[in-house]
C-alpha atoms as a PDB file:
ATOM      1  CA  MET A   1       0.970  27.598 109.146  1.00  0.00           C
ATOM      2  CA  PRO A   2      -0.562  24.741 111.212  1.00  0.00           C
ATOM      3  CA  THR A   3       0.972  21.326 110.617  1.00  0.00           C
ATOM      4  CA  THR A   4      -2.230  19.920 109.072  1.00  0.00           C
ATOM      5  CA  SER A   5      -2.492  22.798 106.588  1.00  0.00           C
ATOM      6  CA  ARG A   6       1.203  22.536 105.744  1.00  0.00           C
ATOM      7  CA  ASN A   7       0.915  18.801 105.114  1.00  0.00           C
ATOM      8  CA  ARG A   8      -2.119  19.352 102.926  1.00  0.00           C
ATOM      9  CA  THR A   9      -0.277  21.993 100.901  1.00  0.00           C
ATOM     10  CA  GLN A  10       2.708  19.707 100.469  1.00  0.00           C
ATOM     11  CA  GLN A  11       0.440  16.880  99.341  1.00  0.00           C
ATOM     12  CA  VAL A  12      -1.233  19.097  96.743  1.00  0.00           C
ATOM     13  CA  GLU A  13       2.175  20.206  95.458  1.00  0.00           C
ATOM     14  CA  GLN A  14       3.330  16.598  95.210  1.00  0.00           C
ATOM     15  CA  ILE A  15       0.232  15.623  93.238  1.00  0.00           C
ATOM     16  CA  ARG A  16       0.614  18.683  91.010  1.00  0.00           C
ATOM     17  CA  GLU A  17       4.238  17.826  90.265  1.00  0.00           C
ATOM     18  CA  HIS A  18       3.293  14.207  89.571  1.00  0.00           C
ATOM     19  CA  VAL A  19       0.627  15.334  87.104  1.00  0.00           C
ATOM     20  CA  LEU A  20       3.036  17.749  85.417  1.00  0.00           C
ATOM     21  CA  GLY A  21       5.690  15.058  85.086  1.00  0.00           C
ATOM     22  CA  THR A  22       3.200  12.612  83.628  1.00  0.00           C
ATOM     23  CA  ALA A  23       1.767  15.199  81.208  1.00  0.00           C
ATOM     24  CA  ASP A  24       5.270  16.226  80.151  1.00  0.00           C
ATOM     25  CA  ARG A  25       6.178  12.637  79.316  1.00  0.00           C
ATOM     26  CA  LEU A  26       2.939  11.954  77.441  1.00  0.00           C
ATOM     27  CA  TYR A  27       2.918  15.221  75.500  1.00  0.00           C
ATOM     28  CA  TYR A  28       6.555  14.805  74.516  1.00  0.00           C
ATOM     29  CA  HIS A  29       6.283  11.215  73.326  1.00  0.00           C
ATOM     30  CA  ARG A  30       2.730  11.120  71.946  1.00  0.00           C
ATOM     31  CA  GLY A  31       1.947  14.733  71.101  1.00  0.00           C
ATOM     32  CA  ILE A  32      -0.354  17.197  72.832  1.00  0.00           C
ATOM     33  CA  HIS A  33      -3.448  16.624  70.698  1.00  0.00           C
ATOM     34  CA  ALA A  34      -3.195  12.856  71.162  1.00  0.00           C
ATOM     35  CA  VAL A  35      -3.322  13.056  74.964  1.00  0.00           C
ATOM     36  CA  GLY A  36      -6.710  13.961  76.425  1.00  0.00           C
ATOM     37  CA  MET A  37      -7.415  14.543  80.086  1.00  0.00           C
ATOM     38  CA  ASP A  38      -8.876  11.032  80.312  1.00  0.00           C
ATOM     39  CA  VAL A  39      -5.551   9.575  79.149  1.00  0.00           C
ATOM     40  CA  LEU A  40      -3.744  11.703  81.694  1.00  0.00           C
ATOM     41  CA  ARG A  41      -6.137  10.471  84.381  1.00  0.00           C
ATOM     42  CA  ASP A  42      -5.400   6.852  83.519  1.00  0.00           C
ATOM     43  CA  GLU A  43      -1.636   7.344  83.320  1.00  0.00           C
ATOM     44  CA  SER A  44      -1.291   9.484  86.439  1.00  0.00           C
ATOM     45  CA  GLY A  45      -3.862   7.762  88.641  1.00  0.00           C
ATOM     46  CA  VAL A  46      -5.317  11.163  89.540  1.00  0.00           C
ATOM     47  CA  SER A  47      -9.066  11.630  89.171  1.00  0.00           C
ATOM     48  CA  LEU A  48     -10.486  13.981  86.545  1.00  0.00           C
ATOM     49  CA  ARG A  49     -12.042  16.039  89.312  1.00  0.00           C
ATOM     50  CA  ARG A  50      -8.654  16.584  90.945  1.00  0.00           C
ATOM     51  CA  LEU A  51      -6.993  17.212  87.581  1.00  0.00           C
ATOM     52  CA  TYR A  52      -9.405  20.033  86.831  1.00  0.00           C
ATOM     53  CA  GLN A  53      -8.995  21.410  90.328  1.00  0.00           C
ATOM     54  CA  LEU A  54      -5.275  21.671  89.699  1.00  0.00           C
ATOM     55  CA  PHE A  55      -5.537  22.771  86.065  1.00  0.00           C
ATOM     56  CA  PRO A  56      -8.870  24.314  84.993  1.00  0.00           C
ATOM     57  CA  SER A  57      -8.228  23.524  81.322  1.00  0.00           C
ATOM     58  CA  LYS A  58      -5.900  21.506  79.133  1.00  0.00           C
ATOM     59  CA  GLU A  59      -4.418  24.756  77.857  1.00  0.00           C
ATOM     60  CA  THR A  60      -3.529  25.713  81.428  1.00  0.00           C
ATOM     61  CA  LEU A  61      -1.842  22.346  81.874  1.00  0.00           C
ATOM     62  CA  VAL A  62       0.131  22.670  78.627  1.00  0.00           C
ATOM     63  CA  GLU A  63       1.306  26.104  79.720  1.00  0.00           C
ATOM     64  CA  ALA A  64       2.423  24.737  83.100  1.00  0.00           C
ATOM     65  CA  VAL A  65       4.288  21.876  81.408  1.00  0.00           C
ATOM     66  CA  LEU A  66       6.145  24.329  79.172  1.00  0.00           C
ATOM     67  CA  HIS A  67       7.069  26.543  82.116  1.00  0.00           C
ATOM     68  CA  ARG A  68       8.407  23.450  83.887  1.00  0.00           C
ATOM     69  CA  ARG A  69      10.388  22.460  80.793  1.00  0.00           C
ATOM     70  CA  ARG A  70      11.853  25.937  80.512  1.00  0.00           C
ATOM     71  CA  GLN A  71      13.246  25.608  84.034  1.00  0.00           C
ATOM     72  CA  ILE A  72      14.711  22.210  83.145  1.00  0.00           C
ATOM     73  CA  TRP A  73      16.204  23.572  79.917  1.00  0.00           C
ATOM     74  CA  ASN A  74      17.771  26.539  81.725  1.00  0.00           C
ATOM     75  CA  THR A  75      19.339  24.159  84.233  1.00  0.00           C
ATOM     76  CA  TRP A  76      20.774  22.061  81.400  1.00  0.00           C
ATOM     77  CA  VAL A  77      22.271  25.138  79.760  1.00  0.00           C
ATOM     78  CA  ASP A  78      23.670  26.409  83.067  1.00  0.00           C
ATOM     79  CA  ASP A  79      25.242  23.019  83.781  1.00  0.00           C
ATOM     80  CA  ALA A  80      26.715  22.872  80.266  1.00  0.00           C
ATOM     81  CA  VAL A  81      28.198  26.354  80.601  1.00  0.00           C
ATOM     82  CA  ALA A  82      29.678  25.403  83.964  1.00  0.00           C
ATOM     83  CA  ALA A  83      31.201  22.290  82.392  1.00  0.00           C
ATOM     84  CA  GLY A  84      32.658  24.346  79.550  1.00  0.00           C
ATOM     85  CA  GLY A  85      35.522  25.634  81.633  1.00  0.00           C
ATOM     86  CA  GLY A  86      36.815  29.140  82.053  1.00  0.00           C
ATOM     87  CA  THR A  87      36.614  30.311  78.445  1.00  0.00           C
ATOM     88  CA  PRO A  88      33.482  31.622  76.704  1.00  0.00           C
ATOM     89  CA  ARG A  89      34.452  29.607  73.609  1.00  0.00           C
ATOM     90  CA  GLY A  90      34.448  26.396  75.638  1.00  0.00           C
ATOM     91  CA  GLN A  91      31.155  27.328  77.248  1.00  0.00           C
ATOM     92  CA  LEU A  92      29.463  27.877  73.893  1.00  0.00           C
ATOM     93  CA  LEU A  93      30.689  24.575  72.498  1.00  0.00           C
ATOM     94  CA  ALA A  94      29.695  22.752  75.686  1.00  0.00           C
ATOM     95  CA  ILE A  95      26.068  23.602  74.912  1.00  0.00           C
ATOM     96  CA  TYR A  96      26.340  21.549  71.707  1.00  0.00           C
ATOM     97  CA  ASP A  97      27.917  18.717  73.676  1.00  0.00           C
ATOM     98  CA  MET A  98      24.904  18.806  75.996  1.00  0.00           C
ATOM     99  CA  LEU A  99      22.549  18.649  73.001  1.00  0.00           C
ATOM    100  CA  ALA A 100      24.476  15.692  71.586  1.00  0.00           C
ATOM    101  CA  ARG A 101      24.149  13.748  74.850  1.00  0.00           C
ATOM    102  CA  TRP A 102      20.448  14.547  75.089  1.00  0.00           C
ATOM    103  CA  SER A 103      19.826  13.380  71.524  1.00  0.00           C
ATOM    104  CA  THR A 104      21.080   9.880  72.376  1.00  0.00           C
ATOM    105  CA  GLU A 105      18.474   9.367  75.116  1.00  0.00           C
ATOM    106  CA  ASP A 106      15.659   6.919  74.460  1.00  0.00           C
ATOM    107  CA  GLY A 107      12.563   8.617  73.106  1.00  0.00           C
ATOM    108  CA  PHE A 108      14.311  11.812  72.033  1.00  0.00           C
ATOM    109  CA  ARG A 109      11.879  13.834  69.930  1.00  0.00           C
ATOM    110  CA  GLY A 110      13.647  17.157  69.696  1.00  0.00           C
ATOM    111  CA  CYS A 111      12.531  20.362  71.357  1.00  0.00           C
ATOM    112  CA  ILE A 112       9.175  20.222  73.161  1.00  0.00           C
ATOM    113  CA  PHE A 113       8.710  23.947  72.513  1.00  0.00           C
ATOM    114  CA  VAL A 114       9.039  23.472  68.758  1.00  0.00           C
ATOM    115  CA  ASN A 115       6.699  20.487  68.945  1.00  0.00           C
ATOM    116  CA  ALA A 116       4.151  22.498  70.933  1.00  0.00           C
ATOM    117  CA  PHE A 117       4.366  25.382  68.479  1.00  0.00           C
ATOM    118  CA  SER A 118       3.810  22.970  65.606  1.00  0.00           C
ATOM    119  CA  GLU A 119       0.630  21.655  67.227  1.00  0.00           C
ATOM    120  CA  LEU A 120      -0.771  24.773  68.891  1.00  0.00           C
ATOM    121  CA  GLY A 121       1.068  27.800  67.541  1.00  0.00           C
ATOM    122  CA  GLY A 122      -1.608  28.617  64.979  1.00  0.00           C
ATOM    123  CA  THR A 123      -4.588  28.283  67.315  1.00  0.00           C
ATOM    124  CA  THR A 124      -3.354  29.204  70.795  1.00  0.00           C
ATOM    125  CA  PRO A 125      -1.640  32.606  70.708  1.00  0.00           C
ATOM    126  CA  HIS A 126      -0.350  32.691  74.241  1.00  0.00           C
ATOM    127  CA  ILE A 127       1.222  29.224  73.923  1.00  0.00           C
ATOM    128  CA  ALA A 128       2.917  30.518  70.764  1.00  0.00           C
ATOM    129  CA  ALA A 129       4.106  33.568  72.732  1.00  0.00           C
ATOM    130  CA  LEU A 130       5.466  31.342  75.502  1.00  0.00           C
ATOM    131  CA  VAL A 131       7.459  29.337  72.938  1.00  0.00           C
ATOM    132  CA  ARG A 132       8.831  32.530  71.375  1.00  0.00           C
ATOM    133  CA  ASP A 133       9.843  33.811  74.800  1.00  0.00           C
ATOM    134  CA  GLN A 134      11.774  30.612  75.471  1.00  0.00           C
ATOM    135  CA  LYS A 135      13.640  30.915  72.179  1.00  0.00           C
ATOM    136  CA  VAL A 136      14.447  34.581  72.828  1.00  0.00           C
ATOM    137  CA  GLN A 137      15.685  33.707  76.314  1.00  0.00           C
ATOM    138  CA  PHE A 138      18.034  31.050  74.901  1.00  0.00           C
ATOM    139  CA  GLN A 139      19.369  33.471  72.288  1.00  0.00           C
ATOM    140  CA  GLN A 140      19.947  36.065  75.005  1.00  0.00           C
ATOM    141  CA  ARG A 141      21.823  33.491  77.083  1.00  0.00           C
ATOM    142  CA  LEU A 142      24.085  32.838  74.125  1.00  0.00           C
ATOM    143  CA  ALA A 143      24.435  36.567  73.530  1.00  0.00           C
ATOM    144  CA  GLY A 144      25.775  37.049  77.042  1.00  0.00           C
ATOM    145  CA  ILE A 145      28.480  34.437  76.462  1.00  0.00           C
ATOM    146  CA  VAL A 146      29.299  35.759  72.985  1.00  0.00           C
ATOM    147  CA  ALA A 147      29.737  39.255  74.415  1.00  0.00           C
ATOM    148  CA  ALA A 148      32.374  37.866  76.770  1.00  0.00           C
ATOM    149  CA  THR A 149      34.365  36.631  73.755  1.00  0.00           C
ATOM    150  CA  GLY A 150      34.422  40.062  72.147  1.00  0.00           C
ATOM    151  CA  ALA A 151      32.937  38.595  68.962  1.00  0.00           C
ATOM    152  CA  PRO A 152      30.210  40.404  66.980  1.00  0.00           C
ATOM    153  CA  ALA A 153      26.742  40.154  68.544  1.00  0.00           C
ATOM    154  CA  ALA A 154      25.376  38.472  65.399  1.00  0.00           C
ATOM    155  CA  LEU A 155      27.319  35.333  66.354  1.00  0.00           C
ATOM    156  CA  ALA A 156      24.734  34.582  69.050  1.00  0.00           C
ATOM    157  CA  ASP A 157      21.920  34.527  66.486  1.00  0.00           C
ATOM    158  CA  GLN A 158      23.922  32.232  64.235  1.00  0.00           C
ATOM    159  CA  LEU A 159      24.726  29.823  67.052  1.00  0.00           C
ATOM    160  CA  ALA A 160      21.089  29.774  68.189  1.00  0.00           C
ATOM    161  CA  VAL A 161      19.879  28.899  64.690  1.00  0.00           C
ATOM    162  CA  LEU A 162      22.445  26.103  64.498  1.00  0.00           C
ATOM    163  CA  ALA A 163      21.380  24.682  67.853  1.00  0.00           C
ATOM    164  CA  GLU A 164      17.658  24.848  67.083  1.00  0.00           C
ATOM    165  CA  GLY A 165      18.018  23.303  63.640  1.00  0.00           C
ATOM    166  CA  ALA A 166      20.307  20.566  64.919  1.00  0.00           C
ATOM    167  CA  GLN A 167      17.790  19.465  67.558  1.00  0.00           C
ATOM    168  CA  THR A 168      14.977  19.188  65.030  1.00  0.00           C
ATOM    169  CA  THR A 169      17.080  17.400  62.429  1.00  0.00           C
ATOM    170  CA  ALA A 170      18.452  14.966  65.008  1.00  0.00           C
ATOM    171  CA  ALA A 171      14.916  14.123  66.105  1.00  0.00           C
ATOM    172  CA  ILE A 172      13.793  13.497  62.519  1.00  0.00           C
ATOM    173  CA  THR A 173      16.816  11.421  61.507  1.00  0.00           C
ATOM    174  CA  GLY A 174      17.115   9.562  64.810  1.00  0.00           C
ATOM    175  CA  THR A 175      20.847  10.193  65.030  1.00  0.00           C
ATOM    176  CA  PRO A 176      23.018  12.718  66.911  1.00  0.00           C
ATOM    177  CA  ASP A 177      25.069  13.346  63.745  1.00  0.00           C
ATOM    178  CA  PRO A 178      23.326  16.663  62.913  1.00  0.00           C
ATOM    179  CA  ILE A 179      24.298  18.029  66.318  1.00  0.00           C
ATOM    180  CA  GLN A 180      27.900  16.981  65.799  1.00  0.00           C
ATOM    181  CA  HIS A 181      27.848  18.747  62.427  1.00  0.00           C
ATOM    182  CA  ALA A 182      26.334  21.803  64.107  1.00  0.00           C
ATOM    183  CA  ARG A 183      29.105  21.761  66.704  1.00  0.00           C
ATOM    184  CA  THR A 184      31.728  21.668  63.952  1.00  0.00           C
ATOM    185  CA  ALA A 185      30.022  24.572  62.191  1.00  0.00           C
ATOM    186  CA  ALA A 186      29.762  26.448  65.497  1.00  0.00           C
ATOM    187  CA  THR A 187      33.498  25.972  66.073  1.00  0.00           C
ATOM    188  CA  THR A 188      34.234  27.486  62.668  1.00  0.00           C
ATOM    189  CA  LEU A 189      31.884  30.411  63.272  1.00  0.00           C
ATOM    190  CA  ILE A 190      33.310  31.144  66.705  1.00  0.00           C
ATOM    191  CA  ASP A 191      36.947  30.875  65.673  1.00  0.00           C
ATOM    192  CA  THR A 192      36.376  33.009  62.580  1.00  0.00           C
ATOM    193  CA  ALA A 193      34.579  35.670  64.611  1.00  0.00           C
ATOM    194  CA  LEU A 194      37.368  35.703  67.205  1.00  0.00           C
ATOM    195  CA  ALA A 195      40.076  35.901  64.537  1.00  0.00           C
ATOM    196  CA  VAL A 196      38.361  38.808  62.815  1.00  0.00           C
ATOM    197  CA  GLY A 197      38.157  40.643  66.102  1.00  0.00           C
ATOM    198  CA  LYS A 198      41.920  40.496  66.702  1.00  0.00           C
ATOM    199  CA  PRO A 199      44.105  43.492  65.800  1.00  0.00           C
ATOM    200  CA  GLY A 200      45.606  43.245  62.327  1.00  0.00           C
ATOM    201  CA  LYS A 201      42.946  40.796  61.098  1.00  0.00           C
ATOM    202  CA  LYS A 202      40.498  41.601  58.320  1.00  0.00           C
ATOM    203  CA  ALA A 203      37.117  40.058  57.565  1.00  0.00           C
END
């Protein structure tokens, strides 16, 4: 690729990423319906013409923001699992520690996927499907770790429900306490499941 074309491509990618970052911040803190393309233009400094060249519709932009957030979320989970040490139990609990840290950040409003589903799930089917896919992917990630513990597969569903509910409740109450309670409940669930799975133990 000629240098001029490569530079132009890089510039477009930089502008696109800037727009996505700005849209992500605005949608998360103000809500999707509250942020029109004119607001995004003013906040990003990118003209409406260029915005629509990059994203033909607001729905396309929302979808791109959610795909970007899914990559960020997966990185957070991967980092938490890595920080959880060599045991699957520690890795599972480290995910709740990650959620607790996140919930103390300024402007925390819970899960952007849940928020997007609340606003668009009833009117935009493929945004709803994207949100469902993200939730299934998280549950499957937990399922892989649970399988390594030897615990029943249902534990992954239980831990996912705890994590999802804790995020929403923490956002509503404005305190990380629900996530700490969820971590305590997760510890009990994990340890009970592991104890039941040992020889000589009964449910």
